[in-house]
Amino acid sequence: MAKEPVEDPLVAAAFDKDKHADLASMVAQLSPDEAQFFLGKLERALRRRRIQLFGYLVAMLLWASSMLVALAAYGLMTGVLPYMLFLVPFLLVGLVLFGFGKWADRVGGKSAPRKGAPPP
């Protein structure tokens, strides 16, 4: 089952620095309603990418701190399977990235167009 892309190709072109001039000429030709619709899509895409970046940073900091805690606990523990503590940081990173990814998809996904905006 193929998943459709979240971003519009024109919105994705806004993030490519080589296509900025082409995109500016295309946006200049739009009517005010169409430009407002495109601006809404671009704002959602920017918000989505910002959430993803914040999720990566949170996951990285969480991984580093939980690895230090796991290393300290490994040094203090004796007994069977203390090395299993090193799986916990990766589990936490996976959960954080999954959660932020779902949140970013919900924020940047297809939502109802603004009032007065043309249909897609």
PDB file of N, CA and C in Angstrom:
ATOM      1  N   MET A   1       0.847  -1.153   0.000  1.00  0.00           N
ATOM      2  CA  MET A   1       0.000   0.000   0.000  1.00  0.00           C
ATOM      3  C   MET A   1       0.907   1.234   0.000  1.00  0.00           C
ATOM      4  N   ALA A   2       0.827   2.036  -1.046  1.00  0.00           N
ATOM      5  CA  ALA A   2       1.665   3.216  -1.182  1.00  0.00           C
ATOM      6  C   ALA A   2       1.074   4.370  -0.381  1.00  0.00           C
ATOM      7  N   LYS A   3       1.933   5.049   0.323  1.00  0.00           N
ATOM      8  CA  LYS A   3       1.503   6.196   1.117  1.00  0.00           C
ATOM      9  C   LYS A   3       1.714   7.452   0.285  1.00  0.00           C
ATOM     10  N   GLU A   4       0.685   8.288   0.232  1.00  0.00           N
ATOM     11  CA  GLU A   4       0.803   9.506  -0.558  1.00  0.00           C
ATOM     12  C   GLU A   4       1.687  10.511   0.173  1.00  0.00           C
ATOM     13  N   PRO A   5       2.424  11.336  -0.572  1.00  0.00           N
ATOM     14  CA  PRO A   5       3.309  12.293   0.083  1.00  0.00           C
ATOM     15  C   PRO A   5       2.520  13.313   0.894  1.00  0.00           C
ATOM     16  N   VAL A   6       3.109  13.754   1.988  1.00  0.00           N
ATOM     17  CA  VAL A   6       2.435  14.685   2.878  1.00  0.00           C
ATOM     18  C   VAL A   6       2.476  16.090   2.304  1.00  0.00           C
ATOM     19  N   GLU A   7       3.597  16.443   1.679  1.00  0.00           N
ATOM     20  CA  GLU A   7       3.756  17.796   1.166  1.00  0.00           C
ATOM     21  C   GLU A   7       3.417  17.881  -0.306  1.00  0.00           C
ATOM     22  N   ASP A   8       2.884  19.008  -0.683  1.00  0.00           N
ATOM     23  CA  ASP A   8       2.628  19.337  -2.070  1.00  0.00           C
ATOM     24  C   ASP A   8       3.981  19.526  -2.770  1.00  0.00           C
ATOM     25  N   PRO A   9       4.131  19.106  -4.021  1.00  0.00           N
ATOM     26  CA  PRO A   9       5.413  19.300  -4.714  1.00  0.00           C
ATOM     27  C   PRO A   9       5.844  20.765  -4.786  1.00  0.00           C
ATOM     28  N   LEU A  10       4.887  21.684  -4.905  1.00  0.00           N
ATOM     29  CA  LEU A  10       5.252  23.107  -4.918  1.00  0.00           C
ATOM     30  C   LEU A  10       5.779  23.555  -3.564  1.00  0.00           C
ATOM     31  N   VAL A  11       5.201  23.037  -2.504  1.00  0.00           N
ATOM     32  CA  VAL A  11       5.670  23.380  -1.166  1.00  0.00           C
ATOM     33  C   VAL A  11       7.055  22.786  -0.937  1.00  0.00           C
ATOM     34  N   ALA A  12       7.260  21.566  -1.407  1.00  0.00           N
ATOM     35  CA  ALA A  12       8.582  20.946  -1.282  1.00  0.00           C
ATOM     36  C   ALA A  12       9.622  21.726  -2.070  1.00  0.00           C
ATOM     37  N   ALA A  13       9.220  22.330  -3.196  1.00  0.00           N
ATOM     38  CA  ALA A  13      10.150  23.132  -3.989  1.00  0.00           C
ATOM     39  C   ALA A  13      10.559  24.396  -3.241  1.00  0.00           C
ATOM     40  N   ALA A  14       9.754  24.845  -2.301  1.00  0.00           N
ATOM     41  CA  ALA A  14      10.100  26.042  -1.533  1.00  0.00           C
ATOM     42  C   ALA A  14      11.316  25.797  -0.650  1.00  0.00           C
ATOM     43  N   PHE A  15      11.587  24.547  -0.317  1.00  0.00           N
ATOM     44  CA  PHE A  15      12.724  24.218   0.534  1.00  0.00           C
ATOM     45  C   PHE A  15      13.997  23.950  -0.273  1.00  0.00           C
ATOM     46  N   ASP A  16      13.887  23.941  -1.602  1.00  0.00           N
ATOM     47  CA  ASP A  16      15.043  23.737  -2.469  1.00  0.00           C
ATOM     48  C   ASP A  16      15.555  25.105  -2.908  1.00  0.00           C
ATOM     49  N   LYS A  17      16.752  25.458  -2.482  1.00  0.00           N
ATOM     50  CA  LYS A  17      17.256  26.808  -2.740  1.00  0.00           C
ATOM     51  C   LYS A  17      17.487  27.076  -4.224  1.00  0.00           C
ATOM     52  N   ASP A  18      17.639  26.052  -5.038  1.00  0.00           N
ATOM     53  CA  ASP A  18      17.849  26.246  -6.470  1.00  0.00           C
ATOM     54  C   ASP A  18      16.563  26.617  -7.203  1.00  0.00           C
ATOM     55  N   LYS A  19      15.412  26.351  -6.593  1.00  0.00           N
ATOM     56  CA  LYS A  19      14.128  26.592  -7.250  1.00  0.00           C
ATOM     57  C   LYS A  19      13.397  27.819  -6.718  1.00  0.00           C
ATOM     58  N   HIS A  20      14.052  28.640  -5.925  1.00  0.00           N
ATOM     59  CA  HIS A  20      13.377  29.792  -5.334  1.00  0.00           C
ATOM     60  C   HIS A  20      12.917  30.796  -6.381  1.00  0.00           C
ATOM     61  N   ALA A  21      13.717  31.044  -7.410  1.00  0.00           N
ATOM     62  CA  ALA A  21      13.335  32.028  -8.433  1.00  0.00           C
ATOM     63  C   ALA A  21      12.118  31.538  -9.214  1.00  0.00           C
ATOM     64  N   ASP A  22      12.111  30.261  -9.572  1.00  0.00           N
ATOM     65  CA  ASP A  22      10.963  29.699 -10.294  1.00  0.00           C
ATOM     66  C   ASP A  22       9.705  29.763  -9.437  1.00  0.00           C
ATOM     67  N   LEU A  23       9.850  29.446  -8.170  1.00  0.00           N
ATOM     68  CA  LEU A  23       8.712  29.459  -7.265  1.00  0.00           C
ATOM     69  C   LEU A  23       8.174  30.874  -7.081  1.00  0.00           C
ATOM     70  N   ALA A  24       9.059  31.856  -6.986  1.00  0.00           N
ATOM     71  CA  ALA A  24       8.624  33.248  -6.830  1.00  0.00           C
ATOM     72  C   ALA A  24       7.838  33.711  -8.052  1.00  0.00           C
ATOM     73  N   SER A  25       8.267  33.313  -9.236  1.00  0.00           N
ATOM     74  CA  SER A  25       7.530  33.713 -10.441  1.00  0.00           C
ATOM     75  C   SER A  25       6.166  33.019 -10.501  1.00  0.00           C
ATOM     76  N   MET A  26       6.087  31.774 -10.055  1.00  0.00           N
ATOM     77  CA  MET A  26       4.806  31.070 -10.048  1.00  0.00           C
ATOM     78  C   MET A  26       3.845  31.689  -9.031  1.00  0.00           C
ATOM     79  N   VAL A  27       4.344  32.042  -7.856  1.00  0.00           N
ATOM     80  CA  VAL A  27       3.491  32.623  -6.823  1.00  0.00           C
ATOM     81  C   VAL A  27       3.012  34.006  -7.243  1.00  0.00           C
ATOM     82  N   ALA A  28       3.829  34.739  -7.980  1.00  0.00           N
ATOM     83  CA  ALA A  28       3.427  36.072  -8.442  1.00  0.00           C
ATOM     84  C   ALA A  28       2.252  36.005  -9.405  1.00  0.00           C
ATOM     85  N   GLN A  29       2.072  34.883 -10.076  1.00  0.00           N
ATOM     86  CA  GLN A  29       0.984  34.720 -11.035  1.00  0.00           C
ATOM     87  C   GLN A  29      -0.316  34.261 -10.390  1.00  0.00           C
ATOM     88  N   LEU A  30      -0.288  33.917  -9.103  1.00  0.00           N
ATOM     89  CA  LEU A  30      -1.481  33.415  -8.427  1.00  0.00           C
ATOM     90  C   LEU A  30      -2.414  34.552  -8.046  1.00  0.00           C
ATOM     91  N   SER A  31      -3.696  34.208  -7.966  1.00  0.00           N
ATOM     92  CA  SER A  31      -4.679  35.176  -7.454  1.00  0.00           C
ATOM     93  C   SER A  31      -4.487  35.293  -5.939  1.00  0.00           C
ATOM     94  N   PRO A  32      -5.043  36.320  -5.308  1.00  0.00           N
ATOM     95  CA  PRO A  32      -4.880  36.460  -3.853  1.00  0.00           C
ATOM     96  C   PRO A  32      -5.409  35.261  -3.064  1.00  0.00           C
ATOM     97  N   ASP A  33      -6.534  34.688  -3.499  1.00  0.00           N
ATOM     98  CA  ASP A  33      -7.078  33.521  -2.802  1.00  0.00           C
ATOM     99  C   ASP A  33      -6.156  32.315  -2.944  1.00  0.00           C
ATOM    100  N   GLU A  34      -5.649  32.105  -4.145  1.00  0.00           N
ATOM    101  CA  GLU A  34      -4.738  30.986  -4.370  1.00  0.00           C
ATOM    102  C   GLU A  34      -3.423  31.190  -3.614  1.00  0.00           C
ATOM    103  N   ALA A  35      -2.945  32.432  -3.571  1.00  0.00           N
ATOM    104  CA  ALA A  35      -1.717  32.714  -2.827  1.00  0.00           C
ATOM    105  C   ALA A  35      -1.922  32.462  -1.334  1.00  0.00           C
ATOM    106  N   GLN A  36      -3.091  32.804  -0.814  1.00  0.00           N
ATOM    107  CA  GLN A  36      -3.390  32.555   0.598  1.00  0.00           C
ATOM    108  C   GLN A  36      -3.455  31.051   0.879  1.00  0.00           C
ATOM    109  N   PHE A  37      -4.040  30.307  -0.047  1.00  0.00           N
ATOM    110  CA  PHE A  37      -4.103  28.853   0.091  1.00  0.00           C
ATOM    111  C   PHE A  37      -2.697  28.258   0.097  1.00  0.00           C
ATOM    112  N   PHE A  38      -1.845  28.718  -0.834  1.00  0.00           N
ATOM    113  CA  PHE A  38      -0.465  28.233  -0.901  1.00  0.00           C
ATOM    114  C   PHE A  38       0.305  28.617   0.353  1.00  0.00           C
ATOM    115  N   LEU A  39       0.081  29.823   0.857  1.00  0.00           N
ATOM    116  CA  LEU A  39       0.749  30.265   2.073  1.00  0.00           C
ATOM    117  C   LEU A  39       0.360  29.384   3.264  1.00  0.00           C
ATOM    118  N   GLY A  40      -0.903  29.004   3.344  1.00  0.00           N
ATOM    119  CA  GLY A  40      -1.342  28.103   4.412  1.00  0.00           C
ATOM    120  C   GLY A  40      -0.647  26.751   4.338  1.00  0.00           C
ATOM    121  N   LYS A  41      -0.520  26.227   3.124  1.00  0.00           N
ATOM    122  CA  LYS A  41       0.179  24.949   2.963  1.00  0.00           C
ATOM    123  C   LYS A  41       1.655  25.075   3.330  1.00  0.00           C
ATOM    124  N   LEU A  42       2.260  26.200   2.944  1.00  0.00           N
ATOM    125  CA  LEU A  42       3.672  26.419   3.252  1.00  0.00           C
ATOM    126  C   LEU A  42       3.887  26.572   4.757  1.00  0.00           C
ATOM    127  N   GLU A  43       2.976  27.279   5.440  1.00  0.00           N
ATOM    128  CA  GLU A  43       3.075  27.427   6.893  1.00  0.00           C
ATOM    129  C   GLU A  43       2.955  26.082   7.597  1.00  0.00           C
ATOM    130  N   ARG A  44       2.042  25.233   7.133  1.00  0.00           N
ATOM    131  CA  ARG A  44       1.908  23.900   7.741  1.00  0.00           C
ATOM    132  C   ARG A  44       3.164  23.068   7.517  1.00  0.00           C
ATOM    133  N   ALA A  45       3.762  23.168   6.323  1.00  0.00           N
ATOM    134  CA  ALA A  45       4.978  22.417   6.039  1.00  0.00           C
ATOM    135  C   ALA A  45       6.137  22.902   6.909  1.00  0.00           C
ATOM    136  N   LEU A  46       6.249  24.206   7.095  1.00  0.00           N
ATOM    137  CA  LEU A  46       7.305  24.742   7.961  1.00  0.00           C
ATOM    138  C   LEU A  46       7.107  24.306   9.409  1.00  0.00           C
ATOM    139  N   ARG A  47       5.863  24.354   9.875  1.00  0.00           N
ATOM    140  CA  ARG A  47       5.564  23.919  11.245  1.00  0.00           C
ATOM    141  C   ARG A  47       5.883  22.433  11.413  1.00  0.00           C
ATOM    142  N   ARG A  48       5.574  21.635  10.394  1.00  0.00           N
ATOM    143  CA  ARG A  48       5.850  20.206  10.440  1.00  0.00           C
ATOM    144  C   ARG A  48       7.352  19.949  10.540  1.00  0.00           C
ATOM    145  N   ARG A  49       8.123  20.641   9.727  1.00  0.00           N
ATOM    146  CA  ARG A  49       9.574  20.445   9.755  1.00  0.00           C
ATOM    147  C   ARG A  49      10.190  20.941  11.055  1.00  0.00           C
ATOM    148  N   ARG A  50       9.637  22.011  11.617  1.00  0.00           N
ATOM    149  CA  ARG A  50      10.133  22.518  12.892  1.00  0.00           C
ATOM    150  C   ARG A  50       9.873  21.498  14.002  1.00  0.00           C
ATOM    151  N   ILE A  51       8.701  20.877  13.994  1.00  0.00           N
ATOM    152  CA  ILE A  51       8.385  19.857  14.995  1.00  0.00           C
ATOM    153  C   ILE A  51       9.312  18.658  14.840  1.00  0.00           C
ATOM    154  N   GLN A  52       9.577  18.252  13.608  1.00  0.00           N
ATOM    155  CA  GLN A  52      10.480  17.132  13.387  1.00  0.00           C
ATOM    156  C   GLN A  52      11.891  17.450  13.891  1.00  0.00           C
ATOM    157  N   LEU A  53      12.382  18.643  13.608  1.00  0.00           N
ATOM    158  CA  LEU A  53      13.710  19.035  14.068  1.00  0.00           C
ATOM    159  C   LEU A  53      13.773  19.048  15.589  1.00  0.00           C
ATOM    160  N   PHE A  54      12.743  19.594  16.228  1.00  0.00           N
ATOM    161  CA  PHE A  54      12.698  19.600  17.686  1.00  0.00           C
ATOM    162  C   PHE A  54      12.668  18.170  18.230  1.00  0.00           C
ATOM    163  N   GLY A  55      11.959  17.272  17.558  1.00  0.00           N
ATOM    164  CA  GLY A  55      11.928  15.870  17.968  1.00  0.00           C
ATOM    165  C   GLY A  55      13.295  15.208  17.869  1.00  0.00           C
ATOM    166  N   TYR A  56      14.038  15.522  16.808  1.00  0.00           N
ATOM    167  CA  TYR A  56      15.393  14.979  16.671  1.00  0.00           C
ATOM    168  C   TYR A  56      16.289  15.467  17.808  1.00  0.00           C
ATOM    169  N   LEU A  57      16.182  16.744  18.155  1.00  0.00           N
ATOM    170  CA  LEU A  57      17.003  17.293  19.234  1.00  0.00           C
ATOM    171  C   LEU A  57      16.636  16.684  20.583  1.00  0.00           C
ATOM    172  N   VAL A  58      15.342  16.536  20.839  1.00  0.00           N
ATOM    173  CA  VAL A  58      14.903  15.928  22.093  1.00  0.00           C
ATOM    174  C   VAL A  58      15.382  14.480  22.167  1.00  0.00           C
ATOM    175  N   ALA A  59      15.275  13.748  21.061  1.00  0.00           N
ATOM    176  CA  ALA A  59      15.709  12.351  21.047  1.00  0.00           C
ATOM    177  C   ALA A  59      17.215  12.242  21.281  1.00  0.00           C
ATOM    178  N   MET A  60      17.983  13.145  20.680  1.00  0.00           N
ATOM    179  CA  MET A  60      19.431  13.103  20.852  1.00  0.00           C
ATOM    180  C   MET A  60      19.819  13.383  22.302  1.00  0.00           C
ATOM    181  N   LEU A  61      19.212  14.392  22.905  1.00  0.00           N
ATOM    182  CA  LEU A  61      19.523  14.707  24.305  1.00  0.00           C
ATOM    183  C   LEU A  61      19.059  13.603  25.244  1.00  0.00           C
ATOM    184  N   LEU A  62      17.900  13.039  24.960  1.00  0.00           N
ATOM    185  CA  LEU A  62      17.390  11.937  25.771  1.00  0.00           C
ATOM    186  C   LEU A  62      18.295  10.720  25.657  1.00  0.00           C
ATOM    187  N   TRP A  63      18.779  10.437  24.456  1.00  0.00           N
ATOM    188  CA  TRP A  63      19.678   9.293  24.258  1.00  0.00           C
ATOM    189  C   TRP A  63      20.965   9.491  25.048  1.00  0.00           C
ATOM    190  N   ALA A  64      21.577  10.681  24.940  1.00  0.00           N
ATOM    191  CA  ALA A  64      22.849  10.921  25.626  1.00  0.00           C
ATOM    192  C   ALA A  64      22.683  10.817  27.142  1.00  0.00           C
ATOM    193  N   SER A  65      21.636  11.421  27.673  1.00  0.00           N
ATOM    194  CA  SER A  65      21.448  11.371  29.122  1.00  0.00           C
ATOM    195  C   SER A  65      21.101   9.963  29.601  1.00  0.00           C
ATOM    196  N   SER A  66      20.260   9.253  28.867  1.00  0.00           N
ATOM    197  CA  SER A  66      19.899   7.906  29.310  1.00  0.00           C
ATOM    198  C   SER A  66      21.056   6.930  29.131  1.00  0.00           C
ATOM    199  N   MET A  67      21.943   7.163  28.168  1.00  0.00           N
ATOM    200  CA  MET A  67      23.134   6.307  28.044  1.00  0.00           C
ATOM    201  C   MET A  67      24.079   6.526  29.223  1.00  0.00           C
ATOM    202  N   LEU A  68      24.206   7.775  29.678  1.00  0.00           N
ATOM    203  CA  LEU A  68      25.039   8.029  30.861  1.00  0.00           C
ATOM    204  C   LEU A  68      24.447   7.357  32.098  1.00  0.00           C
ATOM    205  N   VAL A  69      23.132   7.421  32.239  1.00  0.00           N
ATOM    206  CA  VAL A  69      22.476   6.755  33.373  1.00  0.00           C
ATOM    207  C   VAL A  69      22.655   5.243  33.270  1.00  0.00           C
ATOM    208  N   ALA A  70      22.508   4.694  32.060  1.00  0.00           N
ATOM    209  CA  ALA A  70      22.678   3.248  31.882  1.00  0.00           C
ATOM    210  C   ALA A  70      24.120   2.828  32.169  1.00  0.00           C
ATOM    211  N   LEU A  71      25.087   3.645  31.771  1.00  0.00           N
ATOM    212  CA  LEU A  71      26.485   3.330  32.037  1.00  0.00           C
ATOM    213  C   LEU A  71      26.772   3.368  33.532  1.00  0.00           C
ATOM    214  N   ALA A  72      26.231   4.354  34.229  1.00  0.00           N
ATOM    215  CA  ALA A  72      26.418   4.431  35.682  1.00  0.00           C
ATOM    216  C   ALA A  72      25.744   3.246  36.369  1.00  0.00           C
ATOM    217  N   ALA A  73      24.546   2.897  35.935  1.00  0.00           N
ATOM    218  CA  ALA A  73      23.843   1.753  36.543  1.00  0.00           C
ATOM    219  C   ALA A  73      24.572   0.448  36.245  1.00  0.00           C
ATOM    220  N   TYR A  74      25.140   0.336  35.054  1.00  0.00           N
ATOM    221  CA  TYR A  74      25.897  -0.861  34.690  1.00  0.00           C
ATOM    222  C   TYR A  74      27.122  -1.010  35.590  1.00  0.00           C
ATOM    223  N   GLY A  75      27.757   0.096  35.901  1.00  0.00           N
ATOM    224  CA  GLY A  75      28.924   0.052  36.776  1.00  0.00           C
ATOM    225  C   GLY A  75      28.571  -0.305  38.208  1.00  0.00           C
ATOM    226  N   LEU A  76      27.384   0.014  38.641  1.00  0.00           N
ATOM    227  CA  LEU A  76      26.973  -0.255  40.013  1.00  0.00           C
ATOM    228  C   LEU A  76      26.300  -1.609  40.187  1.00  0.00           C
ATOM    229  N   MET A  77      25.775  -2.178  39.092  1.00  0.00           N
ATOM    230  CA  MET A  77      24.987  -3.404  39.208  1.00  0.00           C
ATOM    231  C   MET A  77      25.865  -4.638  39.144  1.00  0.00           C
ATOM    232  N   THR A  78      25.410  -5.660  39.810  1.00  0.00           N
ATOM    233  CA  THR A  78      25.972  -6.993  39.669  1.00  0.00           C
ATOM    234  C   THR A  78      24.796  -7.938  39.506  1.00  0.00           C
ATOM    235  N   GLY A  79      25.015  -9.011  38.839  1.00  0.00           N
ATOM    236  CA  GLY A  79      23.924  -9.951  38.662  1.00  0.00           C
ATOM    237  C   GLY A  79      23.752 -10.314  37.204  1.00  0.00           C
ATOM    238  N   VAL A  80      22.589 -10.812  36.915  1.00  0.00           N
ATOM    239  CA  VAL A  80      22.308 -11.342  35.596  1.00  0.00           C
ATOM    240  C   VAL A  80      21.785 -10.230  34.671  1.00  0.00           C
ATOM    241  N   LEU A  81      22.328 -10.171  33.477  1.00  0.00           N
ATOM    242  CA  LEU A  81      21.883  -9.305  32.388  1.00  0.00           C
ATOM    243  C   LEU A  81      21.854  -7.804  32.690  1.00  0.00           C
ATOM    244  N   PRO A  82      22.900  -7.240  33.276  1.00  0.00           N
ATOM    245  CA  PRO A  82      22.875  -5.784  33.465  1.00  0.00           C
ATOM    246  C   PRO A  82      23.061  -5.033  32.146  1.00  0.00           C
ATOM    247  N   TYR A  83      23.554  -5.702  31.128  1.00  0.00           N
ATOM    248  CA  TYR A  83      23.763  -5.046  29.835  1.00  0.00           C
ATOM    249  C   TYR A  83      22.446  -4.746  29.127  1.00  0.00           C
ATOM    250  N   MET A  84      21.355  -5.308  29.594  1.00  0.00           N
ATOM    251  CA  MET A  84      20.048  -5.009  29.002  1.00  0.00           C
ATOM    252  C   MET A  84      19.637  -3.557  29.245  1.00  0.00           C
ATOM    253  N   LEU A  85      20.290  -2.901  30.204  1.00  0.00           N
ATOM    254  CA  LEU A  85      20.007  -1.487  30.452  1.00  0.00           C
ATOM    255  C   LEU A  85      20.318  -0.628  29.233  1.00  0.00           C
ATOM    256  N   PHE A  86      21.239  -1.068  28.386  1.00  0.00           N
ATOM    257  CA  PHE A  86      21.637  -0.285  27.229  1.00  0.00           C
ATOM    258  C   PHE A  86      20.599  -0.330  26.101  1.00  0.00           C
ATOM    259  N   LEU A  87      19.597  -1.162  26.223  1.00  0.00           N
ATOM    260  CA  LEU A  87      18.510  -1.174  25.252  1.00  0.00           C
ATOM    261  C   LEU A  87      17.473  -0.080  25.542  1.00  0.00           C
ATOM    262  N   VAL A  88      17.390   0.328  26.797  1.00  0.00           N
ATOM    263  CA  VAL A  88      16.390   1.325  27.202  1.00  0.00           C
ATOM    264  C   VAL A  88      16.574   2.666  26.480  1.00  0.00           C
ATOM    265  N   PRO A  89      17.810   3.199  26.356  1.00  0.00           N
ATOM    266  CA  PRO A  89      17.947   4.476  25.638  1.00  0.00           C
ATOM    267  C   PRO A  89      17.449   4.411  24.193  1.00  0.00           C
ATOM    268  N   PHE A  90      17.704   3.306  23.530  1.00  0.00           N
ATOM    269  CA  PHE A  90      17.253   3.180  22.144  1.00  0.00           C
ATOM    270  C   PHE A  90      15.739   3.032  22.058  1.00  0.00           C
ATOM    271  N   LEU A  91      15.153   2.378  23.032  1.00  0.00           N
ATOM    272  CA  LEU A  91      13.698   2.286  23.095  1.00  0.00           C
ATOM    273  C   LEU A  91      13.086   3.675  23.309  1.00  0.00           C
ATOM    274  N   LEU A  92      13.678   4.447  24.193  1.00  0.00           N
ATOM    275  CA  LEU A  92      13.185   5.800  24.442  1.00  0.00           C
ATOM    276  C   LEU A  92      13.312   6.678  23.199  1.00  0.00           C
ATOM    277  N   VAL A  93      14.434   6.567  22.491  1.00  0.00           N
ATOM    278  CA  VAL A  93      14.624   7.348  21.260  1.00  0.00           C
ATOM    279  C   VAL A  93      13.577   6.968  20.227  1.00  0.00           C
ATOM    280  N   GLY A  94      13.324   5.685  20.085  1.00  0.00           N
ATOM    281  CA  GLY A  94      12.310   5.230  19.136  1.00  0.00           C
ATOM    282  C   GLY A  94      10.933   5.769  19.466  1.00  0.00           C
ATOM    283  N   LEU A  95      10.588   5.748  20.739  1.00  0.00           N
ATOM    284  CA  LEU A  95       9.282   6.263  21.160  1.00  0.00           C
ATOM    285  C   LEU A  95       9.166   7.767  20.933  1.00  0.00           C
ATOM    286  N   VAL A  96      10.232   8.500  21.231  1.00  0.00           N
ATOM    287  CA  VAL A  96      10.205   9.958  21.032  1.00  0.00           C
ATOM    288  C   VAL A  96      10.084  10.282  19.553  1.00  0.00           C
ATOM    289  N   LEU A  97      10.883   9.635  18.709  1.00  0.00           N
ATOM    290  CA  LEU A  97      10.826   9.909  17.278  1.00  0.00           C
ATOM    291  C   LEU A  97       9.468   9.517  16.693  1.00  0.00           C
ATOM    292  N   PHE A  98       8.909   8.416  17.147  1.00  0.00           N
ATOM    293  CA  PHE A  98       7.587   8.006  16.681  1.00  0.00           C
ATOM    294  C   PHE A  98       6.529   9.023  17.084  1.00  0.00           C
ATOM    295  N   GLY A  99       6.578   9.456  18.347  1.00  0.00           N
ATOM    296  CA  GLY A  99       5.594  10.415  18.840  1.00  0.00           C
ATOM    297  C   GLY A  99       5.690  11.758  18.125  1.00  0.00           C
ATOM    298  N   PHE A 100       6.899  12.272  17.967  1.00  0.00           N
ATOM    299  CA  PHE A 100       7.056  13.545  17.273  1.00  0.00           C
ATOM    300  C   PHE A 100       6.706  13.408  15.795  1.00  0.00           C
ATOM    301  N   GLY A 101       6.982  12.262  15.202  1.00  0.00           N
ATOM    302  CA  GLY A 101       6.607  12.053  13.803  1.00  0.00           C
ATOM    303  C   GLY A 101       5.106  12.043  13.607  1.00  0.00           C
ATOM    304  N   LYS A 102       4.391  11.383  14.500  1.00  0.00           N
ATOM    305  CA  LYS A 102       2.927  11.384  14.428  1.00  0.00           C
ATOM    306  C   LYS A 102       2.369  12.788  14.626  1.00  0.00           C
ATOM    307  N   TRP A 103       2.946  13.518  15.569  1.00  0.00           N
ATOM    308  CA  TRP A 103       2.499  14.892  15.832  1.00  0.00           C
ATOM    309  C   TRP A 103       2.758  15.772  14.614  1.00  0.00           C
ATOM    310  N   ALA A 104       3.934  15.625  14.004  1.00  0.00           N
ATOM    311  CA  ALA A 104       4.267  16.429  12.826  1.00  0.00           C
ATOM    312  C   ALA A 104       3.358  16.082  11.651  1.00  0.00           C
ATOM    313  N   ASP A 105       3.040  14.811  11.479  1.00  0.00           N
ATOM    314  CA  ASP A 105       2.125  14.429  10.402  1.00  0.00           C
ATOM    315  C   ASP A 105       0.734  14.996  10.625  1.00  0.00           C
ATOM    316  N   ARG A 106       0.300  15.010  11.871  1.00  0.00           N
ATOM    317  CA  ARG A 106      -1.028  15.545  12.171  1.00  0.00           C
ATOM    318  C   ARG A 106      -1.072  17.057  11.945  1.00  0.00           C
ATOM    319  N   VAL A 107      -0.002  17.764  12.311  1.00  0.00           N
ATOM    320  CA  VAL A 107       0.045  19.219  12.141  1.00  0.00           C
ATOM    321  C   VAL A 107       0.234  19.598  10.681  1.00  0.00           C
ATOM    322  N   GLY A 108       1.123  18.924   9.984  1.00  0.00           N
ATOM    323  CA  GLY A 108       1.449  19.304   8.617  1.00  0.00           C
ATOM    324  C   GLY A 108       0.666  18.572   7.559  1.00  0.00           C
ATOM    325  N   GLY A 109      -0.213  17.694   7.970  1.00  0.00           N
ATOM    326  CA  GLY A 109      -0.979  16.922   7.008  1.00  0.00           C
ATOM    327  C   GLY A 109      -2.069  17.730   6.347  1.00  0.00           C
ATOM    328  N   LYS A 110      -2.863  17.048   5.588  1.00  0.00           N
ATOM    329  CA  LYS A 110      -3.956  17.711   4.884  1.00  0.00           C
ATOM    330  C   LYS A 110      -5.040  18.080   5.880  1.00  0.00           C
ATOM    331  N   SER A 111      -5.362  19.329   5.905  1.00  0.00           N
ATOM    332  CA  SER A 111      -6.443  19.787   6.774  1.00  0.00           C
ATOM    333  C   SER A 111      -7.407  20.604   5.924  1.00  0.00           C
ATOM    334  N   ALA A 112      -8.475  21.000   6.528  1.00  0.00           N
ATOM    335  CA  ALA A 112      -9.487  21.757   5.799  1.00  0.00           C
ATOM    336  C   ALA A 112      -8.903  23.093   5.355  1.00  0.00           C
ATOM    337  N   PRO A 113      -9.161  23.500   4.116  1.00  0.00           N
ATOM    338  CA  PRO A 113      -8.638  24.786   3.659  1.00  0.00           C
ATOM    339  C   PRO A 113      -9.296  25.938   4.400  1.00  0.00           C
ATOM    340  N   ARG A 114      -8.619  27.053   4.408  1.00  0.00           N
ATOM    341  CA  ARG A 114      -9.153  28.220   5.079  1.00  0.00           C
ATOM    342  C   ARG A 114     -10.375  28.740   4.353  1.00  0.00           C
ATOM    343  N   LYS A 115     -11.161  29.500   5.058  1.00  0.00           N
ATOM    344  CA  LYS A 115     -12.399  30.038   4.493  1.00  0.00           C
ATOM    345  C   LYS A 115     -12.073  30.931   3.297  1.00  0.00           C
ATOM    346  N   GLY A 116     -12.724  30.669   2.186  1.00  0.00           N
ATOM    347  CA  GLY A 116     -12.515  31.463   0.985  1.00  0.00           C
ATOM    348  C   GLY A 116     -11.374  30.961   0.109  1.00  0.00           C
ATOM    349  N   ALA A 117     -10.692  29.892   0.549  1.00  0.00           N
ATOM    350  CA  ALA A 117      -9.585  29.367  -0.232  1.00  0.00           C
ATOM    351  C   ALA A 117     -10.122  28.449  -1.319  1.00  0.00           C
ATOM    352  N   PRO A 118      -9.482  28.408  -2.480  1.00  0.00           N
ATOM    353  CA  PRO A 118      -9.947  27.530  -3.547  1.00  0.00           C
ATOM    354  C   PRO A 118      -9.682  26.074  -3.200  1.00  0.00           C
ATOM    355  N   PRO A 119     -10.457  25.160  -3.730  1.00  0.00           N
ATOM    356  CA  PRO A 119     -10.210  23.742  -3.453  1.00  0.00           C
ATOM    357  C   PRO A 119      -8.894  23.306  -4.101  1.00  0.00           C
ATOM    358  N   PRO A 120      -8.269  22.258  -3.554  1.00  0.00           N
ATOM    359  CA  PRO A 120      -6.985  21.790  -4.104  1.00  0.00           C
ATOM    360  C   PRO A 120      -7.113  21.234  -5.490  1.00  0.00           C
TER     361      PRO A 120
END
